[in-house]
Each structure stands twice: as structure tokens, then as C-alpha cells.
PDB file of N, CA and C in Angstrom:
ATOM      1  N   MET A   1     188.073 214.392  73.286  1.00  0.00           N
ATOM      2  CA  MET A   1     188.775 213.145  73.032  1.00  0.00           C
ATOM      3  C   MET A   1     187.984 212.315  72.024  1.00  0.00           C
ATOM      4  N   ASN A   2     188.710 211.714  71.108  1.00  0.00           N
ATOM      5  CA  ASN A   2     188.112 210.852  70.097  1.00  0.00           C
ATOM      6  C   ASN A   2     188.543 209.414  70.330  1.00  0.00           C
ATOM      7  N   ASP A   3     187.741 208.502  69.835  1.00  0.00           N
ATOM      8  CA  ASP A   3     188.070 207.080  69.903  1.00  0.00           C
ATOM      9  C   ASP A   3     188.653 206.654  68.576  1.00  0.00           C
ATOM     10  N   TYR A   4     189.736 205.881  68.627  1.00  0.00           N
ATOM     11  CA  TYR A   4     190.381 205.358  67.432  1.00  0.00           C
ATOM     12  C   TYR A   4     190.566 203.857  67.596  1.00  0.00           C
ATOM     13  N   LEU A   5     190.162 203.096  66.607  1.00  0.00           N
ATOM     14  CA  LEU A   5     190.375 201.663  66.607  1.00  0.00           C
ATOM     15  C   LEU A   5     191.664 201.385  65.860  1.00  0.00           C
ATOM     16  N   ALA A   6     192.579 200.681  66.496  1.00  0.00           N
ATOM     17  CA  ALA A   6     193.894 200.414  65.912  1.00  0.00           C
ATOM     18  C   ALA A   6     193.855 199.089  65.159  1.00  0.00           C
ATOM     19  N   TYR A   7     194.445 199.088  63.979  1.00  0.00           N
ATOM     20  CA  TYR A   7     194.626 197.875  63.181  1.00  0.00           C
ATOM     21  C   TYR A   7     196.108 197.744  62.890  1.00  0.00           C
ATOM     22  N   ARG A   8     196.628 196.526  63.088  1.00  0.00           N
ATOM     23  CA  ARG A   8     198.055 196.301  62.877  1.00  0.00           C
ATOM     24  C   ARG A   8     198.270 194.972  62.175  1.00  0.00           C
ATOM     25  N   ALA A   9     199.152 194.982  61.181  1.00  0.00           N
ATOM     26  CA  ALA A   9     199.541 193.751  60.494  1.00  0.00           C
ATOM     27  C   ALA A   9     200.690 193.110  61.264  1.00  0.00           C
ATOM     28  N   ASP A  10     200.958 191.838  60.970  1.00  0.00           N
ATOM     29  CA  ASP A  10     202.001 191.120  61.702  1.00  0.00           C
ATOM     30  C   ASP A  10     203.381 191.731  61.501  1.00  0.00           C
ATOM     31  N   GLY A  11     203.759 192.007  60.259  1.00  0.00           N
ATOM     32  CA  GLY A  11     205.092 192.518  60.002  1.00  0.00           C
ATOM     33  C   GLY A  11     205.184 194.034  60.058  1.00  0.00           C
ATOM     34  N   ASN A  12     204.058 194.720  60.236  1.00  0.00           N
ATOM     35  CA  ASN A  12     204.043 196.176  60.204  1.00  0.00           C
ATOM     36  C   ASN A  12     203.980 196.719  61.625  1.00  0.00           C
ATOM     37  N   VAL A  13     204.963 197.516  61.994  1.00  0.00           N
ATOM     38  CA  VAL A  13     205.003 198.082  63.338  1.00  0.00           C
ATOM     39  C   VAL A  13     204.020 199.245  63.454  1.00  0.00           C
ATOM     40  N   GLU A  14     203.866 200.018  62.373  1.00  0.00           N
ATOM     41  CA  GLU A  14     203.014 201.205  62.384  1.00  0.00           C
ATOM     42  C   GLU A  14     201.543 200.809  62.232  1.00  0.00           C
ATOM     43  N   PRO A  15     200.708 201.068  63.241  1.00  0.00           N
ATOM     44  CA  PRO A  15     199.289 200.704  63.147  1.00  0.00           C
ATOM     45  C   PRO A  15     198.487 201.727  62.331  1.00  0.00           C
ATOM     46  N   ILE A  16     197.350 201.277  61.834  1.00  0.00           N
ATOM     47  CA  ILE A  16     196.386 202.159  61.184  1.00  0.00           C
ATOM     48  C   ILE A  16     195.372 202.552  62.259  1.00  0.00           C
ATOM     49  N   MET A  17     195.158 203.845  62.420  1.00  0.00           N
ATOM     50  CA  MET A  17     194.198 204.332  63.405  1.00  0.00           C
ATOM     51  C   MET A  17     192.940 204.800  62.672  1.00  0.00           C
ATOM     52  N   VAL A  18     191.786 204.201  63.005  1.00  0.00           N
ATOM     53  CA  VAL A  18     190.521 204.534  62.351  1.00  0.00           C
ATOM     54  C   VAL A  18     189.634 205.252  63.360  1.00  0.00           C
ATOM     55  N   LYS A  19     189.289 206.499  63.041  1.00  0.00           N
ATOM     56  CA  LYS A  19     188.447 207.297  63.932  1.00  0.00           C
ATOM     57  C   LYS A  19     187.036 206.722  63.953  1.00  0.00           C
ATOM     58  N   GLN A  20     186.524 206.517  65.146  1.00  0.00           N
ATOM     59  CA  GLN A  20     185.173 206.004  65.312  1.00  0.00           C
ATOM     60  C   GLN A  20     184.198 207.172  65.358  1.00  0.00           C
ATOM     61  N   GLY A  21     183.003 206.959  64.846  1.00  0.00           N
ATOM     62  CA  GLY A  21     181.996 208.011  64.883  1.00  0.00           C
ATOM     63  C   GLY A  21     181.650 208.513  63.493  1.00  0.00           C
ATOM     64  N   PHE A  22     181.020 209.673  63.457  1.00  0.00           N
ATOM     65  CA  PHE A  22     180.517 210.255  62.215  1.00  0.00           C
ATOM     66  C   PHE A  22     181.663 210.861  61.405  1.00  0.00           C
ATOM     67  N   HIS A  23     181.678 210.593  60.100  1.00  0.00           N
ATOM     68  CA  HIS A  23     182.715 211.107  59.202  1.00  0.00           C
ATOM     69  C   HIS A  23     182.098 212.177  58.297  1.00  0.00           C
ATOM     70  N   TRP A  24     182.389 213.443  58.605  1.00  0.00           N
ATOM     71  CA  TRP A  24     181.830 214.543  57.829  1.00  0.00           C
ATOM     72  C   TRP A  24     182.319 214.534  56.387  1.00  0.00           C
ATOM     73  N   SER A  25     183.552 214.141  56.176  1.00  0.00           N
ATOM     74  CA  SER A  25     184.076 214.133  54.808  1.00  0.00           C
ATOM     75  C   SER A  25     183.310 213.144  53.935  1.00  0.00           C
ATOM     76  N   LEU A  26     182.873 212.027  54.508  1.00  0.00           N
ATOM     77  CA  LEU A  26     182.087 211.064  53.736  1.00  0.00           C
ATOM     78  C   LEU A  26     180.690 211.588  53.448  1.00  0.00           C
ATOM     79  N   LEU A  27     180.151 212.405  54.337  1.00  0.00           N
ATOM     80  CA  LEU A  27     178.841 212.993  54.081  1.00  0.00           C
ATOM     81  C   LEU A  27     178.914 213.991  52.928  1.00  0.00           C
ATOM     82  N   VAL A  28     179.938 214.830  52.929  1.00  0.00           N
ATOM     83  CA  VAL A  28     180.046 215.881  51.924  1.00  0.00           C
ATOM     84  C   VAL A  28     180.531 215.343  50.582  1.00  0.00           C
ATOM     85  N   PHE A  29     181.595 214.538  50.600  1.00  0.00           N
ATOM     86  CA  PHE A  29     182.222 214.103  49.357  1.00  0.00           C
ATOM     87  C   PHE A  29     181.874 212.679  48.949  1.00  0.00           C
ATOM     88  N   GLY A  30     181.261 211.920  49.831  1.00  0.00           N
ATOM     89  CA  GLY A  30     180.881 210.547  49.504  1.00  0.00           C
ATOM     90  C   GLY A  30     182.101 209.669  49.279  1.00  0.00           C
ATOM     91  N   PRO A  31     182.030 208.789  48.291  1.00  0.00           N
ATOM     92  CA  PRO A  31     183.139 207.868  48.028  1.00  0.00           C
ATOM     93  C   PRO A  31     184.460 208.564  47.689  1.00  0.00           C
ATOM     94  N   LEU A  32     184.411 209.791  47.196  1.00  0.00           N
ATOM     95  CA  LEU A  32     185.656 210.501  46.869  1.00  0.00           C
ATOM     96  C   LEU A  32     186.534 210.722  48.103  1.00  0.00           C
ATOM     97  N   ALA A  33     185.920 210.829  49.273  1.00  0.00           N
ATOM     98  CA  ALA A  33     186.695 210.976  50.506  1.00  0.00           C
ATOM     99  C   ALA A  33     187.499 209.701  50.790  1.00  0.00           C
ATOM    100  N   LEU A  34     186.949 208.548  50.436  1.00  0.00           N
ATOM    101  CA  LEU A  34     187.701 207.298  50.604  1.00  0.00           C
ATOM    102  C   LEU A  34     188.874 207.243  49.643  1.00  0.00           C
ATOM    103  N   LEU A  35     188.685 207.732  48.426  1.00  0.00           N
ATOM    104  CA  LEU A  35     189.771 207.778  47.452  1.00  0.00           C
ATOM    105  C   LEU A  35     190.871 208.716  47.927  1.00  0.00           C
ATOM    106  N   ALA A  36     190.502 209.855  48.466  1.00  0.00           N
ATOM    107  CA  ALA A  36     191.490 210.827  48.942  1.00  0.00           C
ATOM    108  C   ALA A  36     192.297 210.285  50.116  1.00  0.00           C
ATOM    109  N   SER A  37     191.711 209.401  50.919  1.00  0.00           N
ATOM    110  CA  SER A  37     192.440 208.837  52.054  1.00  0.00           C
ATOM    111  C   SER A  37     193.160 207.539  51.712  1.00  0.00           C
ATOM    112  N   GLY A  38     193.118 207.136  50.447  1.00  0.00           N
ATOM    113  CA  GLY A  38     193.867 205.954  50.015  1.00  0.00           C
ATOM    114  C   GLY A  38     193.162 204.631  50.224  1.00  0.00           C
ATOM    115  N   ARG A  39     191.887 204.633  50.454  1.00  0.00           N
ATOM    116  CA  ARG A  39     191.104 203.404  50.649  1.00  0.00           C
ATOM    117  C   ARG A  39     190.502 202.989  49.306  1.00  0.00           C
ATOM    118  N   LEU A  40     191.295 202.337  48.464  1.00  0.00           N
ATOM    119  CA  LEU A  40     190.895 202.076  47.080  1.00  0.00           C
ATOM    120  C   LEU A  40     189.790 201.035  46.958  1.00  0.00           C
ATOM    121  N   ILE A  41     189.831 199.980  47.769  1.00  0.00           N
ATOM    122  CA  ILE A  41     188.803 198.933  47.685  1.00  0.00           C
ATOM    123  C   ILE A  41     187.457 199.495  48.129  1.00  0.00           C
ATOM    124  N   ALA A  42     187.447 200.194  49.249  1.00  0.00           N
ATOM    125  CA  ALA A  42     186.206 200.793  49.747  1.00  0.00           C
ATOM    126  C   ALA A  42     185.686 201.838  48.767  1.00  0.00           C
ATOM    127  N   PHE A  43     186.601 202.610  48.165  1.00  0.00           N
ATOM    128  CA  PHE A  43     186.173 203.602  47.171  1.00  0.00           C
ATOM    129  C   PHE A  43     185.503 202.935  45.982  1.00  0.00           C
ATOM    130  N   ALA A  44     186.117 201.889  45.459  1.00  0.00           N
ATOM    131  CA  ALA A  44     185.569 201.232  44.273  1.00  0.00           C
ATOM    132  C   ALA A  44     184.165 200.692  44.535  1.00  0.00           C
ATOM    133  N   LEU A  45     183.965 200.054  45.661  1.00  0.00           N
ATOM    134  CA  LEU A  45     182.652 199.472  45.956  1.00  0.00           C
ATOM    135  C   LEU A  45     181.603 200.535  46.252  1.00  0.00           C
ATOM    136  N   THR A  46     181.962 201.542  47.018  1.00  0.00           N
ATOM    137  CA  THR A  46     180.973 202.568  47.351  1.00  0.00           C
ATOM    138  C   THR A  46     180.671 203.464  46.150  1.00  0.00           C
ATOM    139  N   ALA A  47     181.660 203.717  45.298  1.00  0.00           N
ATOM    140  CA  ALA A  47     181.410 204.496  44.085  1.00  0.00           C
ATOM    141  C   ALA A  47     180.490 203.727  43.147  1.00  0.00           C
ATOM    142  N   LEU A  48     180.675 202.418  43.051  1.00  0.00           N
ATOM    143  CA  LEU A  48     179.799 201.589  42.226  1.00  0.00           C
ATOM    144  C   LEU A  48     178.358 201.662  42.728  1.00  0.00           C
ATOM    145  N   ILE A  49     178.172 201.553  44.029  1.00  0.00           N
ATOM    146  CA  ILE A  49     176.823 201.631  44.600  1.00  0.00           C
ATOM    147  C   ILE A  49     176.220 203.006  44.344  1.00  0.00           C
ATOM    148  N   SER A  50     177.023 204.062  44.513  1.00  0.00           N
ATOM    149  CA  SER A  50     176.523 205.416  44.300  1.00  0.00           C
ATOM    150  C   SER A  50     176.115 205.643  42.841  1.00  0.00           C
ATOM    151  N   VAL A  51     176.917 205.164  41.908  1.00  0.00           N
ATOM    152  CA  VAL A  51     176.586 205.312  40.486  1.00  0.00           C
ATOM    153  C   VAL A  51     175.341 204.509  40.140  1.00  0.00           C
ATOM    154  N   LEU A  52     175.225 203.296  40.671  1.00  0.00           N
ATOM    155  CA  LEU A  52     174.029 202.490  40.416  1.00  0.00           C
ATOM    156  C   LEU A  52     172.776 203.164  40.957  1.00  0.00           C
ATOM    157  N   LEU A  53     172.882 203.767  42.127  1.00  0.00           N
ATOM    158  CA  LEU A  53     171.729 204.485  42.683  1.00  0.00           C
ATOM    159  C   LEU A  53     171.347 205.680  41.813  1.00  0.00           C
ATOM    160  N   LEU A  54     172.353 206.390  41.297  1.00  0.00           N
ATOM    161  CA  LEU A  54     172.070 207.536  40.435  1.00  0.00           C
ATOM    162  C   LEU A  54     171.440 207.110  39.110  1.00  0.00           C
ATOM    163  N   ARG A  55     171.979 206.044  38.502  1.00  0.00           N
ATOM    164  CA  ARG A  55     171.511 205.617  37.186  1.00  0.00           C
ATOM    165  C   ARG A  55     170.193 204.868  37.245  1.00  0.00           C
ATOM    166  N   CYS A  56     170.040 204.000  38.216  1.00  0.00           N
ATOM    167  CA  CYS A  56     168.858 203.133  38.285  1.00  0.00           C
ATOM    168  C   CYS A  56     167.769 203.687  39.206  1.00  0.00           C
ATOM    169  N   GLY A  57     168.043 204.771  39.879  1.00  0.00           N
ATOM    170  CA  GLY A  57     167.081 205.314  40.823  1.00  0.00           C
ATOM    171  C   GLY A  57     165.991 206.147  40.191  1.00  0.00           C
ATOM    172  N   GLY A  58     166.114 206.421  38.895  1.00  0.00           N
ATOM    173  CA  GLY A  58     165.107 207.239  38.221  1.00  0.00           C
ATOM    174  C   GLY A  58     165.115 208.662  38.755  1.00  0.00           C
ATOM    175  N   GLY A  59     163.933 209.189  38.990  1.00  0.00           N
ATOM    176  CA  GLY A  59     163.809 210.558  39.486  1.00  0.00           C
ATOM    177  C   GLY A  59     164.312 210.731  40.902  1.00  0.00           C
ATOM    178  N   ALA A  60     164.324 209.655  41.672  1.00  0.00           N
ATOM    179  CA  ALA A  60     164.773 209.726  43.063  1.00  0.00           C
ATOM    180  C   ALA A  60     166.242 209.335  43.205  1.00  0.00           C
ATOM    181  N   GLY A  61     166.969 209.218  42.096  1.00  0.00           N
ATOM    182  CA  GLY A  61     168.364 208.776  42.141  1.00  0.00           C
ATOM    183  C   GLY A  61     169.261 209.682  42.944  1.00  0.00           C
ATOM    184  N   LEU A  62     169.068 210.996  42.795  1.00  0.00           N
ATOM    185  CA  LEU A  62     169.900 211.940  43.546  1.00  0.00           C
ATOM    186  C   LEU A  62     169.615 211.857  45.037  1.00  0.00           C
ATOM    187  N   LEU A  63     168.353 211.719  45.399  1.00  0.00           N
ATOM    188  CA  LEU A  63     167.988 211.571  46.808  1.00  0.00           C
ATOM    189  C   LEU A  63     168.546 210.265  47.380  1.00  0.00           C
ATOM    190  N   LEU A  64     168.473 209.196  46.599  1.00  0.00           N
ATOM    191  CA  LEU A  64     169.025 207.912  47.052  1.00  0.00           C
ATOM    192  C   LEU A  64     170.538 207.990  47.218  1.00  0.00           C
ATOM    193  N   SER A  65     171.208 208.670  46.306  1.00  0.00           N
ATOM    194  CA  SER A  65     172.658 208.819  46.409  1.00  0.00           C
ATOM    195  C   SER A  65     173.032 209.652  47.635  1.00  0.00           C
ATOM    196  N   TRP A  66     172.283 210.723  47.914  1.00  0.00           N
ATOM    197  CA  TRP A  66     172.554 211.531  49.094  1.00  0.00           C
ATOM    198  C   TRP A  66     172.297 210.713  50.364  1.00  0.00           C
ATOM    199  N   THR A  67     171.228 209.921  50.369  1.00  0.00           N
ATOM    200  CA  THR A  67     170.932 209.051  51.517  1.00  0.00           C
ATOM    201  C   THR A  67     172.060 208.041  51.717  1.00  0.00           C
ATOM    202  N   PHE A  68     172.606 207.535  50.614  1.00  0.00           N
ATOM    203  CA  PHE A  68     173.739 206.619  50.709  1.00  0.00           C
ATOM    204  C   PHE A  68     174.950 207.313  51.332  1.00  0.00           C
ATOM    205  N   ASN A  69     175.180 208.588  51.003  1.00  0.00           N
ATOM    206  CA  ASN A  69     176.277 209.338  51.624  1.00  0.00           C
ATOM    207  C   ASN A  69     176.069 209.480  53.127  1.00  0.00           C
ATOM    208  N   VAL A  70     174.825 209.667  53.555  1.00  0.00           N
ATOM    209  CA  VAL A  70     174.535 209.760  54.992  1.00  0.00           C
ATOM    210  C   VAL A  70     174.855 208.425  55.674  1.00  0.00           C
ATOM    211  N   VAL A  71     174.414 207.330  55.066  1.00  0.00           N
ATOM    212  CA  VAL A  71     174.699 205.998  55.624  1.00  0.00           C
ATOM    213  C   VAL A  71     176.201 205.743  55.646  1.00  0.00           C
ATOM    214  N   LEU A  72     176.888 206.145  54.588  1.00  0.00           N
ATOM    215  CA  LEU A  72     178.340 205.982  54.522  1.00  0.00           C
ATOM    216  C   LEU A  72     179.036 206.801  55.605  1.00  0.00           C
ATOM    217  N   ALA A  73     178.542 207.997  55.879  1.00  0.00           N
ATOM    218  CA  ALA A  73     179.143 208.829  56.924  1.00  0.00           C
ATOM    219  C   ALA A  73     178.946 208.214  58.310  1.00  0.00           C
ATOM    220  N   VAL A  74     177.798 207.588  58.525  1.00  0.00           N
ATOM    221  CA  VAL A  74     177.530 206.974  59.828  1.00  0.00           C
ATOM    222  C   VAL A  74     178.351 205.705  60.016  1.00  0.00           C
ATOM    223  N   PHE A  75     178.461 204.895  58.966  1.00  0.00           N
ATOM    224  CA  PHE A  75     179.159 203.612  59.061  1.00  0.00           C
ATOM    225  C   PHE A  75     180.530 203.630  58.390  1.00  0.00           C
ATOM    226  N   GLY A  76     181.113 204.796  58.229  1.00  0.00           N
ATOM    227  CA  GLY A  76     182.408 204.918  57.564  1.00  0.00           C
ATOM    228  C   GLY A  76     183.529 204.181  58.272  1.00  0.00           C
ATOM    229  N   ALA A  77     183.531 204.209  59.594  1.00  0.00           N
ATOM    230  CA  ALA A  77     184.590 203.526  60.346  1.00  0.00           C
ATOM    231  C   ALA A  77     184.543 202.017  60.109  1.00  0.00           C
ATOM    232  N   GLU A  78     183.341 201.467  59.986  1.00  0.00           N
ATOM    233  CA  GLU A  78     183.216 200.033  59.726  1.00  0.00           C
ATOM    234  C   GLU A  78     183.703 199.687  58.326  1.00  0.00           C
ATOM    235  N   VAL A  79     183.430 200.565  57.356  1.00  0.00           N
ATOM    236  CA  VAL A  79     183.885 200.325  55.982  1.00  0.00           C
ATOM    237  C   VAL A  79     185.411 200.386  55.911  1.00  0.00           C
ATOM    238  N   ILE A  80     186.008 201.371  56.560  1.00  0.00           N
ATOM    239  CA  ILE A  80     187.466 201.501  56.563  1.00  0.00           C
ATOM    240  C   ILE A  80     188.105 200.334  57.308  1.00  0.00           C
ATOM    241  N   GLY A  81     187.509 199.926  58.422  1.00  0.00           N
ATOM    242  CA  GLY A  81     188.018 198.769  59.165  1.00  0.00           C
ATOM    243  C   GLY A  81     187.899 197.487  58.379  1.00  0.00           C
ATOM    244  N   TRP A  82     186.817 197.348  57.609  1.00  0.00           N
ATOM    245  CA  TRP A  82     186.636 196.167  56.759  1.00  0.00           C
ATOM    246  C   TRP A  82     187.759 196.088  55.731  1.00  0.00           C
ATOM    247  N   GLU A  83     188.104 197.220  55.115  1.00  0.00           N
ATOM    248  CA  GLU A  83     189.194 197.208  54.136  1.00  0.00           C
ATOM    249  C   GLU A  83     190.523 196.878  54.797  1.00  0.00           C
ATOM    250  N   ALA A  84     190.752 197.378  56.006  1.00  0.00           N
ATOM    251  CA  ALA A  84     191.997 197.054  56.720  1.00  0.00           C
ATOM    252  C   ALA A  84     192.080 195.555  56.991  1.00  0.00           C
ATOM    253  N   ARG A  85     190.966 194.940  57.376  1.00  0.00           N
ATOM    254  CA  ARG A  85     190.973 193.489  57.614  1.00  0.00           C
ATOM    255  C   ARG A  85     191.188 192.720  56.315  1.00  0.00           C
ATOM    256  N   LEU A  86     190.663 193.223  55.199  1.00  0.00           N
ATOM    257  CA  LEU A  86     190.914 192.586  53.905  1.00  0.00           C
ATOM    258  C   LEU A  86     192.398 192.587  53.551  1.00  0.00           C
ATOM    259  N   LYS A  87     193.099 193.630  53.980  1.00  0.00           N
ATOM    260  CA  LYS A  87     194.530 193.759  53.688  1.00  0.00           C
ATOM    261  C   LYS A  87     195.408 193.017  54.694  1.00  0.00           C
ATOM    262  N   GLY A  88     194.799 192.279  55.613  1.00  0.00           N
ATOM    263  CA  GLY A  88     195.567 191.463  56.548  1.00  0.00           C
ATOM    264  C   GLY A  88     195.821 192.092  57.900  1.00  0.00           C
ATOM    265  N   TYR A  89     195.226 193.219  58.171  1.00  0.00           N
ATOM    266  CA  TYR A  89     195.392 193.862  59.473  1.00  0.00           C
ATOM    267  C   TYR A  89     194.417 193.245  60.476  1.00  0.00           C
ATOM    268  N   ALA A  90     194.810 193.255  61.735  1.00  0.00           N
ATOM    269  CA  ALA A  90     193.959 192.740  62.808  1.00  0.00           C
ATOM    270  C   ALA A  90     193.711 193.864  63.812  1.00  0.00           C
ATOM    271  N   SER A  91     192.558 193.814  64.449  1.00  0.00           N
ATOM    272  CA  SER A  91     192.201 194.832  65.431  1.00  0.00           C
ATOM    273  C   SER A  91     193.143 194.754  66.623  1.00  0.00           C
ATOM    274  N   ASN A  92     193.558 195.926  67.101  1.00  0.00           N
ATOM    275  CA  ASN A  92     194.514 195.980  68.201  1.00  0.00           C
ATOM    276  C   ASN A  92     194.013 196.876  69.333  1.00  0.00           C
ATOM    277  N   GLY A  93     192.705 196.951  69.496  1.00  0.00           N
ATOM    278  CA  GLY A  93     192.151 197.684  70.622  1.00  0.00           C
ATOM    279  C   GLY A  93     191.668 199.075  70.263  1.00  0.00           C
ATOM    280  N   LEU A  94     190.889 199.634  71.176  1.00  0.00           N
ATOM    281  CA  LEU A  94     190.325 200.968  71.034  1.00  0.00           C
ATOM    282  C   LEU A  94     191.132 201.920  71.901  1.00  0.00           C
ATOM    283  N   TRP A  95     191.592 203.033  71.291  1.00  0.00           N
ATOM    284  CA  TRP A  95     192.447 203.985  71.981  1.00  0.00           C
ATOM    285  C   TRP A  95     191.853 205.373  71.884  1.00  0.00           C
ATOM    286  N   MET A  96     192.025 206.156  72.935  1.00  0.00           N
ATOM    287  CA  MET A  96     191.491 207.520  72.964  1.00  0.00           C
ATOM    288  C   MET A  96     192.623 208.518  72.803  1.00  0.00           C
ATOM    289  N   GLY A  97     192.279 209.625  72.134  1.00  0.00           N
ATOM    290  CA  GLY A  97     193.253 210.694  71.966  1.00  0.00           C
ATOM    291  C   GLY A  97     192.601 211.876  71.279  1.00  0.00           C
ATOM    292  N   ARG A  98     193.251 213.041  71.382  1.00  0.00           N
ATOM    293  CA  ARG A  98     192.731 214.221  70.691  1.00  0.00           C
ATOM    294  C   ARG A  98     192.926 214.109  69.185  1.00  0.00           C
ATOM    295  N   SER A  99     193.919 213.318  68.775  1.00  0.00           N
ATOM    296  CA  SER A  99     194.202 213.090  67.363  1.00  0.00           C
ATOM    297  C   SER A  99     194.648 211.644  67.187  1.00  0.00           C
ATOM    298  N   ALA A 100     194.754 211.232  65.937  1.00  0.00           N
ATOM    299  CA  ALA A 100     195.203 209.861  65.662  1.00  0.00           C
ATOM    300  C   ALA A 100     196.637 209.655  66.149  1.00  0.00           C
ATOM    301  N   GLU A 101     197.456 210.685  66.048  1.00  0.00           N
ATOM    302  CA  GLU A 101     198.849 210.567  66.490  1.00  0.00           C
ATOM    303  C   GLU A 101     198.935 210.359  68.000  1.00  0.00           C
ATOM    304  N   GLU A 102     198.094 211.074  68.754  1.00  0.00           N
ATOM    305  CA  GLU A 102     198.101 210.914  70.206  1.00  0.00           C
ATOM    306  C   GLU A 102     197.614 209.521  70.604  1.00  0.00           C
ATOM    307  N   ALA A 103     196.592 209.016  69.940  1.00  0.00           N
ATOM    308  CA  ALA A 103     196.108 207.663  70.222  1.00  0.00           C
ATOM    309  C   ALA A 103     197.166 206.631  69.850  1.00  0.00           C
ATOM    310  N   ARG A 104     197.882 206.863  68.743  1.00  0.00           N
ATOM    311  CA  ARG A 104     198.957 205.956  68.337  1.00  0.00           C
ATOM    312  C   ARG A 104     200.079 205.947  69.365  1.00  0.00           C
ATOM    313  N   LEU A 105     200.399 207.121  69.929  1.00  0.00           N
ATOM    314  CA  LEU A 105     201.432 207.188  70.970  1.00  0.00           C
ATOM    315  C   LEU A 105     201.023 206.399  72.210  1.00  0.00           C
ATOM    316  N   ARG A 106     199.754 206.463  72.572  1.00  0.00           N
ATOM    317  CA  ARG A 106     199.273 205.678  73.721  1.00  0.00           C
ATOM    318  C   ARG A 106     199.403 204.181  73.453  1.00  0.00           C
ATOM    319  N   LEU A 107     199.104 203.771  72.233  1.00  0.00           N
ATOM    320  CA  LEU A 107     199.267 202.363  71.861  1.00  0.00           C
ATOM    321  C   LEU A 107     200.732 201.952  71.921  1.00  0.00           C
ATOM    322  N   MET A 108     201.617 202.797  71.404  1.00  0.00           N
ATOM    323  CA  MET A 108     203.048 202.495  71.424  1.00  0.00           C
ATOM    324  C   MET A 108     203.587 202.456  72.853  1.00  0.00           C
ATOM    325  N   ASP A 109     203.084 203.344  73.725  1.00  0.00           N
ATOM    326  CA  ASP A 109     203.503 203.329  75.134  1.00  0.00           C
ATOM    327  C   ASP A 109     203.100 202.017  75.794  1.00  0.00           C
ATOM    328  N   LYS A 110     201.914 201.520  75.458  1.00  0.00           N
ATOM    329  CA  LYS A 110     201.467 200.233  76.019  1.00  0.00           C
ATOM    330  C   LYS A 110     202.350 199.103  75.528  1.00  0.00           C
ATOM    331  N   ASP A 111     202.718 199.138  74.249  1.00  0.00           N
ATOM    332  CA  ASP A 111     203.598 198.104  73.698  1.00  0.00           C
ATOM    333  C   ASP A 111     204.978 198.151  74.335  1.00  0.00           C
ATOM    334  N   ARG A 112     205.482 199.363  74.556  1.00  0.00           N
ATOM    335  CA  ARG A 112     206.810 199.509  75.160  1.00  0.00           C
ATOM    336  C   ARG A 112     206.789 199.045  76.615  1.00  0.00           C
ATOM    337  N   ALA A 113     205.710 199.314  77.330  1.00  0.00           N
ATOM    338  CA  ALA A 113     205.608 198.897  78.733  1.00  0.00           C
ATOM    339  C   ALA A 113     205.450 197.391  78.854  1.00  0.00           C
ATOM    340  N   ALA A 114     204.813 196.768  77.855  1.00  0.00           N
ATOM    341  CA  ALA A 114     204.601 195.322  77.905  1.00  0.00           C
ATOM    342  C   ALA A 114     205.869 194.542  77.586  1.00  0.00           C
ATOM    343  N   SER A 115     206.812 195.172  76.886  1.00  0.00           N
ATOM    344  CA  SER A 115     208.027 194.419  76.528  1.00  0.00           C
ATOM    345  C   SER A 115     209.156 194.618  77.496  1.00  0.00           C
TER     346      SER A 115
END
């Protein structure tokens, strides 16, 4: 079972489910994984930091960039959640499920039971 933090906007019924924990795709691909998942603001900022580390890091630039990918993989859920809050989404609780769809169904069941 995985933990997913739900973010929902006021007019949007469909919540965004953000997987909590380590993100392997961010470790391997770095900021490109954020671009592939449609997180443009987070991609732009993390790509800028990665390029600055490569260019200004001198001989240790590659090591610094790889270290940044490790930090990004550990704190990826916070970065994705930060972008969701920038777009007007609000946190709607932590839900468990084998997949994001299963966690979303549990959230929808709670909403249906409450109404």
C-alpha cells in the first residue's frame, strides 16, 4: 500500500493524487521526470538549479547535479505538492491505496458517504 496526498481545487471535482515517499523517476531522470508528468513550474525551477550546479560547480558539477537528483527524489512529493498549491489546489487528506486510482476511489467514496 502506498500513501497519496490528495489536492483538490474548488471548482475541480477530480483531485490530484501525489505519491508520498521516494521517487525513482526523479533520481534517474532528474527534472525531466517533472516535465514528463506535466509539472512545468517545478521542472523550470529544478532544471535551472541543475544547470547552475553543472555550470558553476567546476570539476564537482556533475557530482553536485547527481546529489541534487537524490535530494529531488527524496523531496519530490513536496515539490509536486508545492506546485499544486501554487495552482490553487488545497490539501484534501492522506489516502492509502495500491495505486493512485485506488486511493482516489477511497476519497470519492468518502465524499459520496458524506453527502
